[in-house]
Amino acid sequence: MKKKIEIAVLLVLAVVLGYYGYQRIGIRMGGTPSSFESPYATEEDWMLDNILRDIAETAAQARGVDPQDVQLTFERAPSGPLDLPTVSLAARVGSASWEGTLALDRSFWNSTNYVHFARALLGEPPAAPSASADTLEALLEPRPSVLISENRRISNKLQSDILDVGAHEEATVLLGVLGLKEAAYGFDDKRFLLLRMTAHLAIASALRGDASVSVVGRIGEATLLALTGRQKELLEALGSLESRELTDVEASWVNVLYMYSVEDWRRSAPLDTLLVRLARFRA
């Protein structure tokens, strides 16, 4: 019996030491590591390129320029592991150009970082069509048929007028709903949705000028905050929304985003919709 215990202890030690050695030095079989070919040196480069290129290609469509002719180059300055980099950026879309520095603030997914860049390429803001609050009501029931219908409607608005501020705000909410529905818990990847939402919000802000943000735009901004885990900023945004008189649809959206972020299922919503139930179940 004593011998069996000693053998068991030795096996446990061997496993522990083997695991420790693997974690420290890994297992090397003598082969040469394969090179990874990509136009992006880092994840941050990929994220920046997606946001900036979405904005530039939107400006190209507005100006009747082939998106293939968009010129865009940028370089991130070295930064600490917890610091956002400064970005040297140059872009040309037809007769419009922008060259300067982006000092990223708070997050890569903070749309205000890119508003000046978007405004320079898009030009003077036109009269801003308002977003339809109907999209908020429709997307509280995010079944496949509804998502497809809203996608077609918003896409048609953007194809008809790429400078439609309301359509960009509605697109942000539609993309946000796709993120809110994800429930893979560690196996999902919302980054592409977040990048597109950031670009739409930056474009909408650039086109809006001094006009106030619609409630659809504010809910789109709050949804982006919820999906990126910026809870303090989200609660401030929701508090600002609740300071005004809300419709049942708007109040239900506030409750969805609160439950998604805080995970307090006891929060009640005026409407018992599918999105509300999903948020409550997730919480």
C-alpha atoms as a PDB file:
ATOM      1  CA  MET A   1       0.000   0.000   0.000  1.00  0.00           C
ATOM      2  CA  LYS A   2       2.823   2.360   0.940  1.00  0.00           C
ATOM      3  CA  LYS A   3       4.546   1.685  -2.396  1.00  0.00           C
ATOM      4  CA  LYS A   4       1.353   2.489  -4.321  1.00  0.00           C
ATOM      5  CA  ILE A   5       1.026   5.819  -2.505  1.00  0.00           C
ATOM      6  CA  GLU A   6       4.655   6.700  -3.294  1.00  0.00           C
ATOM      7  CA  ILE A   7       4.123   5.879  -6.978  1.00  0.00           C
ATOM      8  CA  ALA A   8       0.965   8.013  -7.069  1.00  0.00           C
ATOM      9  CA  VAL A   9       2.788  10.948  -5.470  1.00  0.00           C
ATOM     10  CA  LEU A  10       5.663  10.618  -7.983  1.00  0.00           C
ATOM     11  CA  LEU A  11       3.209  10.598 -10.882  1.00  0.00           C
ATOM     12  CA  VAL A  12       1.522  13.738  -9.572  1.00  0.00           C
ATOM     13  CA  LEU A  13       4.893  15.463  -9.182  1.00  0.00           C
ATOM     14  CA  ALA A  14       5.890  14.418 -12.701  1.00  0.00           C
ATOM     15  CA  VAL A  15       2.696  15.884 -14.133  1.00  0.00           C
ATOM     16  CA  VAL A  16       3.098  19.131 -12.171  1.00  0.00           C
ATOM     17  CA  LEU A  17       6.765  19.522 -13.179  1.00  0.00           C
ATOM     18  CA  GLY A  18       5.944  18.691 -16.796  1.00  0.00           C
ATOM     19  CA  TYR A  19       3.165  21.275 -16.886  1.00  0.00           C
ATOM     20  CA  TYR A  20       5.430  23.884 -15.269  1.00  0.00           C
ATOM     21  CA  GLY A  21       8.183  23.203 -17.763  1.00  0.00           C
ATOM     22  CA  TYR A  22       5.772  23.422 -20.675  1.00  0.00           C
ATOM     23  CA  GLN A  23       4.432  26.758 -19.441  1.00  0.00           C
ATOM     24  CA  ARG A  24       7.932  28.171 -19.003  1.00  0.00           C
ATOM     25  CA  ILE A  25       9.741  26.940 -22.108  1.00  0.00           C
ATOM     26  CA  GLY A  26       7.103  25.216 -24.246  1.00  0.00           C
ATOM     27  CA  ILE A  27       7.714  22.134 -26.345  1.00  0.00           C
ATOM     28  CA  ARG A  28      10.169  22.550 -29.201  1.00  0.00           C
ATOM     29  CA  MET A  29      10.505  19.875 -31.841  1.00  0.00           C
ATOM     30  CA  GLY A  30      13.343  21.573 -33.716  1.00  0.00           C
ATOM     31  CA  GLY A  31      11.300  22.937 -36.615  1.00  0.00           C
ATOM     32  CA  THR A  32      11.507  26.524 -37.885  1.00  0.00           C
ATOM     33  CA  PRO A  33       8.432  28.569 -36.908  1.00  0.00           C
ATOM     34  CA  SER A  34       6.315  29.463 -39.916  1.00  0.00           C
ATOM     35  CA  SER A  35       5.950  33.138 -40.739  1.00  0.00           C
ATOM     36  CA  PHE A  36       2.546  34.767 -40.458  1.00  0.00           C
ATOM     37  CA  GLU A  37       1.819  36.993 -43.439  1.00  0.00           C
ATOM     38  CA  SER A  38      -0.649  39.797 -42.842  1.00  0.00           C
ATOM     39  CA  PRO A  39      -0.996  43.467 -43.816  1.00  0.00           C
ATOM     40  CA  TYR A  40      -1.520  44.211 -40.115  1.00  0.00           C
ATOM     41  CA  ALA A  41       1.323  44.075 -37.615  1.00  0.00           C
ATOM     42  CA  THR A  42      -1.028  44.093 -34.625  1.00  0.00           C
ATOM     43  CA  GLU A  43      -4.699  43.775 -33.731  1.00  0.00           C
ATOM     44  CA  GLU A  44      -4.768  47.532 -33.132  1.00  0.00           C
ATOM     45  CA  ASP A  45      -3.645  48.146 -36.734  1.00  0.00           C
ATOM     46  CA  TRP A  46      -6.456  45.921 -37.982  1.00  0.00           C
ATOM     47  CA  MET A  47      -9.045  47.770 -35.885  1.00  0.00           C
ATOM     48  CA  LEU A  48      -7.843  51.216 -36.956  1.00  0.00           C
ATOM     49  CA  ASP A  49      -7.730  50.246 -40.610  1.00  0.00           C
ATOM     50  CA  ASN A  50     -11.315  48.947 -40.512  1.00  0.00           C
ATOM     51  CA  ILE A  51     -12.721  52.072 -38.855  1.00  0.00           C
ATOM     52  CA  LEU A  52     -10.763  54.576 -40.936  1.00  0.00           C
ATOM     53  CA  ARG A  53     -11.345  52.732 -44.202  1.00  0.00           C
ATOM     54  CA  ASP A  54     -15.111  52.475 -43.554  1.00  0.00           C
ATOM     55  CA  ILE A  55     -15.222  56.248 -43.089  1.00  0.00           C
ATOM     56  CA  ALA A  56     -13.054  56.925 -46.148  1.00  0.00           C
ATOM     57  CA  GLU A  57     -15.051  54.577 -48.395  1.00  0.00           C
ATOM     58  CA  THR A  58     -18.300  56.198 -47.255  1.00  0.00           C
ATOM     59  CA  ALA A  59     -16.825  59.561 -48.283  1.00  0.00           C
ATOM     60  CA  ALA A  60     -15.773  58.013 -51.597  1.00  0.00           C
ATOM     61  CA  GLN A  61     -19.329  56.884 -52.312  1.00  0.00           C
ATOM     62  CA  ALA A  62     -20.642  60.339 -51.411  1.00  0.00           C
ATOM     63  CA  ARG A  63     -18.133  61.984 -53.744  1.00  0.00           C
ATOM     64  CA  GLY A  64     -18.572  59.521 -56.610  1.00  0.00           C
ATOM     65  CA  VAL A  65     -15.038  58.176 -56.206  1.00  0.00           C
ATOM     66  CA  ASP A  66     -14.146  54.525 -56.740  1.00  0.00           C
ATOM     67  CA  PRO A  67     -13.384  53.041 -53.283  1.00  0.00           C
ATOM     68  CA  GLN A  68     -10.335  51.389 -54.856  1.00  0.00           C
ATOM     69  CA  ASP A  69      -8.894  54.884 -55.374  1.00  0.00           C
ATOM     70  CA  VAL A  70      -9.026  55.756 -51.660  1.00  0.00           C
ATOM     71  CA  GLN A  71      -5.546  56.510 -50.324  1.00  0.00           C
ATOM     72  CA  LEU A  72      -5.087  55.785 -46.629  1.00  0.00           C
ATOM     73  CA  THR A  73      -1.910  55.419 -44.596  1.00  0.00           C
ATOM     74  CA  PHE A  74      -1.350  55.597 -40.860  1.00  0.00           C
ATOM     75  CA  GLU A  75       1.272  54.794 -38.277  1.00  0.00           C
ATOM     76  CA  ARG A  76       0.864  54.257 -34.557  1.00  0.00           C
ATOM     77  CA  ALA A  77       3.381  55.899 -32.247  1.00  0.00           C
ATOM     78  CA  PRO A  78       4.908  53.605 -29.593  1.00  0.00           C
ATOM     79  CA  SER A  79       2.832  53.501 -26.420  1.00  0.00           C
ATOM     80  CA  GLY A  80       2.744  51.731 -23.084  1.00  0.00           C
ATOM     81  CA  PRO A  81       0.692  48.549 -22.596  1.00  0.00           C
ATOM     82  CA  LEU A  82      -2.130  50.461 -20.896  1.00  0.00           C
ATOM     83  CA  ASP A  83      -1.960  53.596 -23.054  1.00  0.00           C
ATOM     84  CA  LEU A  84      -3.782  54.362 -26.283  1.00  0.00           C
ATOM     85  CA  PRO A  85      -1.410  55.321 -29.101  1.00  0.00           C
ATOM     86  CA  THR A  86      -1.208  58.542 -31.062  1.00  0.00           C
ATOM     87  CA  VAL A  87      -1.837  57.877 -34.753  1.00  0.00           C
ATOM     88  CA  SER A  88      -0.228  59.780 -37.638  1.00  0.00           C
ATOM     89  CA  LEU A  89      -2.738  59.637 -40.478  1.00  0.00           C
ATOM     90  CA  ALA A  90      -2.943  60.731 -44.107  1.00  0.00           C
ATOM     91  CA  ALA A  91      -5.903  60.135 -46.417  1.00  0.00           C
ATOM     92  CA  ARG A  92      -7.140  61.308 -49.805  1.00  0.00           C
ATOM     93  CA  VAL A  93     -10.571  60.746 -51.345  1.00  0.00           C
ATOM     94  CA  GLY A  94     -10.862  62.525 -54.668  1.00  0.00           C
ATOM     95  CA  SER A  95     -10.354  66.240 -54.005  1.00  0.00           C
ATOM     96  CA  ALA A  96     -10.708  65.821 -50.228  1.00  0.00           C
ATOM     97  CA  SER A  97      -7.699  65.066 -48.073  1.00  0.00           C
ATOM     98  CA  TRP A  98      -6.735  64.967 -44.423  1.00  0.00           C
ATOM     99  CA  GLU A  99      -3.349  64.762 -42.814  1.00  0.00           C
ATOM    100  CA  GLY A 100      -2.737  65.007 -39.114  1.00  0.00           C
ATOM    101  CA  THR A 101      -2.625  63.206 -35.817  1.00  0.00           C
ATOM    102  CA  LEU A 102      -5.332  61.310 -33.993  1.00  0.00           C
ATOM    103  CA  ALA A 103      -4.915  61.331 -30.217  1.00  0.00           C
ATOM    104  CA  LEU A 104      -7.064  58.355 -29.287  1.00  0.00           C
ATOM    105  CA  ASP A 105      -9.074  58.872 -26.121  1.00  0.00           C
ATOM    106  CA  ARG A 106     -10.729  56.304 -23.817  1.00  0.00           C
ATOM    107  CA  SER A 107     -11.042  53.491 -26.357  1.00  0.00           C
ATOM    108  CA  PHE A 108     -10.416  52.460 -29.960  1.00  0.00           C
ATOM    109  CA  TRP A 109     -14.227  52.177 -30.119  1.00  0.00           C
ATOM    110  CA  ASN A 110     -14.832  55.774 -29.064  1.00  0.00           C
ATOM    111  CA  SER A 111     -16.429  57.320 -32.161  1.00  0.00           C
ATOM    112  CA  THR A 112     -15.484  60.892 -31.176  1.00  0.00           C
ATOM    113  CA  ASN A 113     -11.863  59.982 -31.932  1.00  0.00           C
ATOM    114  CA  TYR A 114     -12.651  59.924 -35.658  1.00  0.00           C
ATOM    115  CA  VAL A 115     -15.191  62.746 -36.115  1.00  0.00           C
ATOM    116  CA  HIS A 116     -12.713  65.403 -37.358  1.00  0.00           C
ATOM    117  CA  PHE A 117     -11.278  62.912 -39.836  1.00  0.00           C
ATOM    118  CA  ALA A 118     -14.765  62.006 -41.086  1.00  0.00           C
ATOM    119  CA  ARG A 119     -15.834  65.646 -41.364  1.00  0.00           C
ATOM    120  CA  ALA A 120     -12.776  66.533 -43.452  1.00  0.00           C
ATOM    121  CA  LEU A 121     -13.492  63.779 -45.979  1.00  0.00           C
ATOM    122  CA  LEU A 122     -17.286  64.088 -46.046  1.00  0.00           C
ATOM    123  CA  GLY A 123     -17.371  67.880 -46.400  1.00  0.00           C
ATOM    124  CA  GLU A 124     -20.035  70.273 -45.148  1.00  0.00           C
ATOM    125  CA  PRO A 125     -22.934  68.465 -43.466  1.00  0.00           C
ATOM    126  CA  PRO A 126     -26.185  68.503 -45.445  1.00  0.00           C
ATOM    127  CA  ALA A 127     -29.626  68.855 -43.922  1.00  0.00           C
ATOM    128  CA  ALA A 128     -29.806  65.893 -41.591  1.00  0.00           C
ATOM    129  CA  PRO A 129     -32.752  63.498 -42.103  1.00  0.00           C
ATOM    130  CA  SER A 130     -33.837  62.214 -38.717  1.00  0.00           C
ATOM    131  CA  ALA A 131     -33.654  58.572 -37.697  1.00  0.00           C
ATOM    132  CA  SER A 132     -36.893  56.633 -37.540  1.00  0.00           C
ATOM    133  CA  ALA A 133     -37.860  55.660 -34.003  1.00  0.00           C
ATOM    134  CA  ASP A 134     -39.776  52.760 -35.588  1.00  0.00           C
ATOM    135  CA  THR A 135     -36.493  50.863 -35.837  1.00  0.00           C
ATOM    136  CA  LEU A 136     -36.211  50.850 -32.037  1.00  0.00           C
ATOM    137  CA  GLU A 137     -39.641  49.257 -31.728  1.00  0.00           C
ATOM    138  CA  ALA A 138     -38.971  46.740 -34.493  1.00  0.00           C
ATOM    139  CA  LEU A 139     -35.621  45.634 -33.068  1.00  0.00           C
ATOM    140  CA  LEU A 140     -37.110  44.923 -29.643  1.00  0.00           C
ATOM    141  CA  GLU A 141     -38.346  41.757 -31.398  1.00  0.00           C
ATOM    142  CA  PRO A 142     -35.064  40.667 -33.045  1.00  0.00           C
ATOM    143  CA  ARG A 143     -36.278  37.576 -34.852  1.00  0.00           C
ATOM    144  CA  PRO A 144     -34.512  36.658 -38.117  1.00  0.00           C
ATOM    145  CA  SER A 145     -37.336  38.015 -40.283  1.00  0.00           C
ATOM    146  CA  VAL A 146     -37.226  41.363 -38.457  1.00  0.00           C
ATOM    147  CA  LEU A 147     -33.432  41.627 -38.682  1.00  0.00           C
ATOM    148  CA  ILE A 148     -33.515  40.880 -42.415  1.00  0.00           C
ATOM    149  CA  SER A 149     -36.316  43.384 -43.013  1.00  0.00           C
ATOM    150  CA  GLU A 150     -34.582  46.158 -41.054  1.00  0.00           C
ATOM    151  CA  ASN A 151     -31.273  45.416 -42.761  1.00  0.00           C
ATOM    152  CA  ARG A 152     -32.882  45.807 -46.188  1.00  0.00           C
ATOM    153  CA  ARG A 153     -34.719  48.979 -45.226  1.00  0.00           C
ATOM    154  CA  ILE A 154     -31.635  50.674 -43.734  1.00  0.00           C
ATOM    155  CA  SER A 155     -29.398  49.485 -46.593  1.00  0.00           C
ATOM    156  CA  ASN A 156     -31.841  50.948 -49.132  1.00  0.00           C
ATOM    157  CA  LYS A 157     -31.781  54.282 -47.268  1.00  0.00           C
ATOM    158  CA  LEU A 158     -27.985  54.353 -47.355  1.00  0.00           C
ATOM    159  CA  GLN A 159     -27.868  53.364 -51.026  1.00  0.00           C
ATOM    160  CA  SER A 160     -30.318  56.161 -51.795  1.00  0.00           C
ATOM    161  CA  ASP A 161     -28.395  58.710 -49.698  1.00  0.00           C
ATOM    162  CA  ILE A 162     -25.106  57.701 -48.097  1.00  0.00           C
ATOM    163  CA  LEU A 163     -25.181  60.992 -46.157  1.00  0.00           C
ATOM    164  CA  ASP A 164     -28.429  60.149 -44.367  1.00  0.00           C
ATOM    165  CA  VAL A 165     -27.551  60.713 -40.694  1.00  0.00           C
ATOM    166  CA  GLY A 166     -30.612  58.849 -39.470  1.00  0.00           C
ATOM    167  CA  ALA A 167     -29.732  55.772 -41.514  1.00  0.00           C
ATOM    168  CA  HIS A 168     -26.252  55.648 -39.970  1.00  0.00           C
ATOM    169  CA  GLU A 169     -27.769  55.874 -36.480  1.00  0.00           C
ATOM    170  CA  GLU A 170     -30.270  53.128 -37.301  1.00  0.00           C
ATOM    171  CA  ALA A 171     -27.478  50.953 -38.703  1.00  0.00           C
ATOM    172  CA  THR A 172     -25.630  51.332 -35.408  1.00  0.00           C
ATOM    173  CA  VAL A 173     -28.613  50.026 -33.445  1.00  0.00           C
ATOM    174  CA  LEU A 174     -29.123  47.122 -35.878  1.00  0.00           C
ATOM    175  CA  LEU A 175     -25.488  46.047 -35.521  1.00  0.00           C
ATOM    176  CA  GLY A 176     -25.777  46.488 -31.762  1.00  0.00           C
ATOM    177  CA  VAL A 177     -28.726  44.098 -31.587  1.00  0.00           C
ATOM    178  CA  LEU A 178     -26.652  41.423 -33.313  1.00  0.00           C
ATOM    179  CA  GLY A 179     -24.070  41.863 -30.557  1.00  0.00           C
ATOM    180  CA  LEU A 180     -26.668  41.803 -27.777  1.00  0.00           C
ATOM    181  CA  LYS A 181     -28.063  38.516 -29.122  1.00  0.00           C
ATOM    182  CA  GLU A 182     -24.676  36.770 -29.036  1.00  0.00           C
ATOM    183  CA  ALA A 183     -24.523  34.268 -26.189  1.00  0.00           C
ATOM    184  CA  ALA A 184     -21.436  32.140 -26.820  1.00  0.00           C
ATOM    185  CA  TYR A 185     -19.760  33.346 -23.592  1.00  0.00           C
ATOM    186  CA  GLY A 186     -16.078  33.489 -24.489  1.00  0.00           C
ATOM    187  CA  PHE A 187     -16.416  31.897 -27.904  1.00  0.00           C
ATOM    188  CA  ASP A 188     -17.992  34.886 -29.648  1.00  0.00           C
ATOM    189  CA  ASP A 189     -16.158  37.770 -31.308  1.00  0.00           C
ATOM    190  CA  LYS A 190     -17.984  41.080 -31.473  1.00  0.00           C
ATOM    191  CA  ARG A 191     -15.005  43.142 -32.673  1.00  0.00           C
ATOM    192  CA  PHE A 192     -16.150  43.487 -36.281  1.00  0.00           C
ATOM    193  CA  LEU A 193     -19.589  44.661 -35.153  1.00  0.00           C
ATOM    194  CA  LEU A 194     -17.971  47.179 -32.793  1.00  0.00           C
ATOM    195  CA  LEU A 195     -15.744  48.547 -35.558  1.00  0.00           C
ATOM    196  CA  ARG A 196     -18.678  49.090 -37.902  1.00  0.00           C
ATOM    197  CA  MET A 197     -20.762  50.682 -35.142  1.00  0.00           C
ATOM    198  CA  THR A 198     -17.900  53.060 -34.335  1.00  0.00           C
ATOM    199  CA  ALA A 199     -17.580  54.093 -37.982  1.00  0.00           C
ATOM    200  CA  HIS A 200     -21.346  54.674 -38.368  1.00  0.00           C
ATOM    201  CA  LEU A 201     -21.450  56.811 -35.214  1.00  0.00           C
ATOM    202  CA  ALA A 202     -18.426  58.861 -36.278  1.00  0.00           C
ATOM    203  CA  ILE A 203     -19.986  59.479 -39.704  1.00  0.00           C
ATOM    204  CA  ALA A 204     -23.337  60.411 -38.160  1.00  0.00           C
ATOM    205  CA  SER A 205     -21.670  62.851 -35.771  1.00  0.00           C
ATOM    206  CA  ALA A 206     -19.647  64.437 -38.583  1.00  0.00           C
ATOM    207  CA  LEU A 207     -22.747  64.870 -40.759  1.00  0.00           C
ATOM    208  CA  ARG A 208     -24.947  66.076 -37.903  1.00  0.00           C
ATOM    209  CA  GLY A 209     -22.815  69.133 -37.220  1.00  0.00           C
ATOM    210  CA  ASP A 210     -24.282  71.160 -34.380  1.00  0.00           C
ATOM    211  CA  ALA A 211     -27.656  69.409 -34.470  1.00  0.00           C
ATOM    212  CA  SER A 212     -28.608  67.365 -31.408  1.00  0.00           C
ATOM    213  CA  VAL A 213     -28.334  63.585 -31.371  1.00  0.00           C
ATOM    214  CA  SER A 214     -31.613  61.759 -31.916  1.00  0.00           C
ATOM    215  CA  VAL A 215     -32.823  59.234 -29.356  1.00  0.00           C
ATOM    216  CA  VAL A 216     -31.949  56.489 -31.855  1.00  0.00           C
ATOM    217  CA  GLY A 217     -28.391  57.806 -32.036  1.00  0.00           C
ATOM    218  CA  ARG A 218     -28.145  58.014 -28.250  1.00  0.00           C
ATOM    219  CA  ILE A 219     -29.335  54.438 -27.853  1.00  0.00           C
ATOM    220  CA  GLY A 220     -26.853  53.391 -30.542  1.00  0.00           C
ATOM    221  CA  GLU A 221     -24.050  55.076 -28.592  1.00  0.00           C
ATOM    222  CA  ALA A 222     -25.220  53.449 -25.347  1.00  0.00           C
ATOM    223  CA  THR A 223     -25.355  50.029 -27.024  1.00  0.00           C
ATOM    224  CA  LEU A 224     -21.748  50.422 -28.150  1.00  0.00           C
ATOM    225  CA  LEU A 225     -20.753  51.270 -24.574  1.00  0.00           C
ATOM    226  CA  ALA A 226     -22.594  48.189 -23.294  1.00  0.00           C
ATOM    227  CA  LEU A 227     -20.933  45.860 -25.793  1.00  0.00           C
ATOM    228  CA  THR A 228     -17.448  47.247 -25.078  1.00  0.00           C
ATOM    229  CA  GLY A 229     -17.905  46.861 -21.322  1.00  0.00           C
ATOM    230  CA  ARG A 230     -17.607  50.569 -20.477  1.00  0.00           C
ATOM    231  CA  GLN A 231     -20.083  50.317 -17.639  1.00  0.00           C
ATOM    232  CA  LYS A 232     -19.497  53.674 -15.918  1.00  0.00           C
ATOM    233  CA  GLU A 233     -19.963  55.607 -19.170  1.00  0.00           C
ATOM    234  CA  LEU A 234     -22.979  53.462 -20.059  1.00  0.00           C
ATOM    235  CA  LEU A 235     -24.741  54.163 -16.750  1.00  0.00           C
ATOM    236  CA  GLU A 236     -24.112  57.887 -17.246  1.00  0.00           C
ATOM    237  CA  ALA A 237     -25.575  57.673 -20.761  1.00  0.00           C
ATOM    238  CA  LEU A 238     -28.624  55.747 -19.512  1.00  0.00           C
ATOM    239  CA  GLY A 239     -29.098  58.252 -16.682  1.00  0.00           C
ATOM    240  CA  SER A 240     -29.060  61.063 -19.238  1.00  0.00           C
ATOM    241  CA  LEU A 241     -31.697  59.271 -21.293  1.00  0.00           C
ATOM    242  CA  GLU A 242     -33.875  58.674 -18.232  1.00  0.00           C
ATOM    243  CA  SER A 243     -33.733  62.370 -17.352  1.00  0.00           C
ATOM    244  CA  ARG A 244     -36.208  63.007 -20.179  1.00  0.00           C
ATOM    245  CA  GLU A 245     -39.681  61.590 -20.684  1.00  0.00           C
ATOM    246  CA  LEU A 246     -39.283  58.273 -22.460  1.00  0.00           C
ATOM    247  CA  THR A 247     -41.740  56.252 -24.480  1.00  0.00           C
ATOM    248  CA  ASP A 248     -42.317  52.628 -23.468  1.00  0.00           C
ATOM    249  CA  VAL A 249     -40.084  51.541 -26.367  1.00  0.00           C
ATOM    250  CA  GLU A 250     -37.229  53.830 -25.320  1.00  0.00           C
ATOM    251  CA  ALA A 251     -37.574  52.853 -21.643  1.00  0.00           C
ATOM    252  CA  SER A 252     -37.458  49.182 -22.617  1.00  0.00           C
ATOM    253  CA  TRP A 253     -34.194  49.777 -24.474  1.00  0.00           C
ATOM    254  CA  VAL A 254     -32.742  51.482 -21.401  1.00  0.00           C
ATOM    255  CA  ASN A 255     -33.709  48.449 -19.315  1.00  0.00           C
ATOM    256  CA  VAL A 256     -32.221  46.011 -21.843  1.00  0.00           C
ATOM    257  CA  LEU A 257     -28.856  47.783 -21.803  1.00  0.00           C
ATOM    258  CA  TYR A 258     -28.895  48.057 -18.010  1.00  0.00           C
ATOM    259  CA  MET A 259     -29.568  44.325 -17.578  1.00  0.00           C
ATOM    260  CA  TYR A 260     -26.960  43.448 -20.202  1.00  0.00           C
ATOM    261  CA  SER A 261     -24.261  45.449 -18.426  1.00  0.00           C
ATOM    262  CA  VAL A 262     -25.134  45.141 -14.727  1.00  0.00           C
ATOM    263  CA  GLU A 263     -26.646  41.628 -14.943  1.00  0.00           C
ATOM    264  CA  ASP A 264     -29.462  42.529 -12.567  1.00  0.00           C
ATOM    265  CA  TRP A 265     -32.477  40.592 -13.874  1.00  0.00           C
ATOM    266  CA  ARG A 266     -34.842  42.269 -11.387  1.00  0.00           C
ATOM    267  CA  ARG A 267     -34.922  45.465 -13.469  1.00  0.00           C
ATOM    268  CA  SER A 268     -38.398  45.722 -15.022  1.00  0.00           C
ATOM    269  CA  ALA A 269     -39.204  47.010 -18.501  1.00  0.00           C
ATOM    270  CA  PRO A 270     -42.495  48.500 -19.736  1.00  0.00           C
ATOM    271  CA  LEU A 271     -42.657  46.069 -22.678  1.00  0.00           C
ATOM    272  CA  ASP A 272     -42.139  42.313 -22.394  1.00  0.00           C
ATOM    273  CA  THR A 273     -40.445  41.859 -25.777  1.00  0.00           C
ATOM    274  CA  LEU A 274     -38.048  39.187 -27.028  1.00  0.00           C
ATOM    275  CA  LEU A 275     -34.980  41.402 -26.541  1.00  0.00           C
ATOM    276  CA  VAL A 276     -36.079  42.221 -22.982  1.00  0.00           C
ATOM    277  CA  ARG A 277     -36.556  38.511 -22.199  1.00  0.00           C
ATOM    278  CA  LEU A 278     -33.176  37.640 -23.698  1.00  0.00           C
ATOM    279  CA  ALA A 279     -31.460  40.296 -21.605  1.00  0.00           C
ATOM    280  CA  ARG A 280     -33.237  39.116 -18.456  1.00  0.00           C
ATOM    281  CA  PHE A 281     -32.393  35.462 -19.126  1.00  0.00           C
ATOM    282  CA  ARG A 282     -28.747  36.357 -19.773  1.00  0.00           C
ATOM    283  CA  ALA A 283     -28.599  38.342 -16.518  1.00  0.00           C
END
